[in-house]
Structures are given as C-alpha cells and as structure tokens.
C-alpha atoms as a PDB file:
ATOM      1  CA  MET A   1     -38.391  10.434 -22.028  1.00  0.00           C
ATOM      2  CA  VAL A   2     -41.874  10.802 -23.627  1.00  0.00           C
ATOM      3  CA  VAL A   3     -44.816  12.134 -21.763  1.00  0.00           C
ATOM      4  CA  HIS A   4     -48.236  11.940 -22.939  1.00  0.00           C
ATOM      5  CA  LEU A   5     -51.457  13.349 -21.686  1.00  0.00           C
ATOM      6  CA  ASP A   6     -54.266  10.458 -21.168  1.00  0.00           C
ATOM      7  CA  SER A   7     -56.636  12.270 -23.664  1.00  0.00           C
ATOM      8  CA  VAL A   8     -53.939  11.949 -26.428  1.00  0.00           C
ATOM      9  CA  ALA A   9     -53.085   8.283 -25.534  1.00  0.00           C
ATOM     10  CA  ALA A  10     -56.699   7.449 -25.756  1.00  0.00           C
ATOM     11  CA  THR A  11     -57.544   9.027 -28.877  1.00  0.00           C
ATOM     12  CA  PHE A  12     -54.698   7.297 -30.733  1.00  0.00           C
ATOM     13  CA  GLY A  13     -55.281   3.885 -28.816  1.00  0.00           C
ATOM     14  CA  ASN A  14     -58.768   4.167 -30.788  1.00  0.00           C
ATOM     15  CA  GLY A  15     -57.181   4.532 -34.009  1.00  0.00           C
ATOM     16  CA  ALA A  16     -58.361   8.276 -34.428  1.00  0.00           C
ATOM     17  CA  THR A  17     -56.368  11.382 -35.115  1.00  0.00           C
ATOM     18  CA  SER A  18     -58.836  13.847 -33.433  1.00  0.00           C
ATOM     19  CA  ALA A  19     -61.530  13.371 -30.916  1.00  0.00           C
ATOM     20  CA  CYS A  20     -63.280  14.942 -27.857  1.00  0.00           C
ATOM     21  CA  VAL A  21     -62.236  12.733 -24.685  1.00  0.00           C
ATOM     22  CA  VAL A  22     -64.663  12.326 -21.755  1.00  0.00           C
ATOM     23  CA  GLN A  23     -63.032  11.450 -18.635  1.00  0.00           C
ATOM     24  CA  MET A  24     -65.302  10.126 -15.524  1.00  0.00           C
ATOM     25  CA  ASP A  25     -63.685   9.764 -12.323  1.00  0.00           C
ATOM     26  CA  SER A  26     -65.152   9.205  -9.255  1.00  0.00           C
ATOM     27  CA  SER A  27     -66.031  12.693  -8.419  1.00  0.00           C
ATOM     28  CA  ILE A  28     -64.905  14.700 -11.348  1.00  0.00           C
ATOM     29  CA  THR A  29     -65.623  14.616 -15.316  1.00  0.00           C
ATOM     30  CA  SER A  30     -63.352  16.274 -17.700  1.00  0.00           C
ATOM     31  CA  VAL A  31     -63.499  17.030 -21.345  1.00  0.00           C
ATOM     32  CA  VAL A  32     -60.596  17.455 -23.443  1.00  0.00           C
ATOM     33  CA  CYS A  33     -60.581  18.057 -27.382  1.00  0.00           C
ATOM     34  CA  VAL A  34     -57.445  16.717 -29.286  1.00  0.00           C
ATOM     35  CA  ASP A  35     -56.644  17.168 -32.891  1.00  0.00           C
ATOM     36  CA  ASP A  36     -53.305  15.416 -34.191  1.00  0.00           C
ATOM     37  CA  ALA A  37     -51.979  14.703 -30.726  1.00  0.00           C
ATOM     38  CA  VAL A  38     -52.409  18.354 -29.704  1.00  0.00           C
ATOM     39  CA  VAL A  39     -54.759  19.354 -26.939  1.00  0.00           C
ATOM     40  CA  LEU A  40     -56.786  22.203 -28.697  1.00  0.00           C
ATOM     41  CA  GLN A  41     -56.199  25.577 -26.656  1.00  0.00           C
ATOM     42  CA  PRO A  42     -55.718  24.071 -23.281  1.00  0.00           C
ATOM     43  CA  ALA A  43     -57.316  27.014 -21.413  1.00  0.00           C
ATOM     44  CA  SER A  44     -60.649  26.925 -23.737  1.00  0.00           C
ATOM     45  CA  SER A  45     -61.078  23.254 -24.615  1.00  0.00           C
ATOM     46  CA  ARG A  46     -60.466  21.618 -21.241  1.00  0.00           C
ATOM     47  CA  ARG A  47     -63.579  21.678 -19.023  1.00  0.00           C
ATOM     48  CA  GLN A  48     -64.031  19.873 -15.679  1.00  0.00           C
ATOM     49  CA  VAL A  49     -67.438  19.603 -13.783  1.00  0.00           C
ATOM     50  CA  SER A  50     -67.678  18.200 -10.326  1.00  0.00           C
ATOM     51  CA  LEU A  51     -69.948  15.461 -10.890  1.00  0.00           C
ATOM     52  CA  GLY A  52     -68.571  11.993 -11.424  1.00  0.00           C
ATOM     53  CA  LEU A  53     -69.424   8.276 -11.205  1.00  0.00           C
ATOM     54  CA  ASN A  54     -70.497   8.325  -7.644  1.00  0.00           C
ATOM     55  CA  HIS A  55     -72.954  11.023  -8.440  1.00  0.00           C
ATOM     56  CA  VAL A  56     -74.469   8.731 -11.596  1.00  0.00           C
ATOM     57  CA  ALA A  57     -74.569   5.868  -9.177  1.00  0.00           C
ATOM     58  CA  ALA A  58     -76.408   7.633  -6.490  1.00  0.00           C
ATOM     59  CA  ALA A  59     -79.057   9.052  -9.235  1.00  0.00           C
ATOM     60  CA  LEU A  60     -79.423   5.316 -10.657  1.00  0.00           C
ATOM     61  CA  ILE A  61     -80.184   3.836  -7.311  1.00  0.00           C
ATOM     62  CA  GLY A  62     -82.462   6.760  -6.313  1.00  0.00           C
ATOM     63  CA  TRP A  63     -84.523   5.740  -9.565  1.00  0.00           C
ATOM     64  CA  MET A  64     -84.825   2.343  -8.728  1.00  0.00           C
END
C-alpha cells in the first residue's frame, strides 16, 4: 500500500520535483512546500488560513 499526500501528488502530476502547493477548499486554504516528494518540515512549512472559496466568492459578489 502506498499513501501520498495531495500536495506531493499535485507536484509530480505537474512534472515538478519541488513546489509550494496552495489548496483552496470552501472554507480553508492551506499551503504546503514539497521538495523531492517530501513535505518540508511539516510543523513549520504547512500553513492553514480560515479563508476559502466561499469567502472569495462573497467578496467578488460584493464588488459587483
């Protein structure tokens, strides 16, 4: 059995060996840095913000 993180799979899916992957869900945005299929120091490189696509959509609708 092989388990991959979404960020590692996204990095290799795009043909890169290292990247900072930004994942936006409906209510949370997370940023993870990946280098050679390893998440860099998980405690310090993984960030989550309580803003997501719902917040972005509400802001865009407010600007119209």
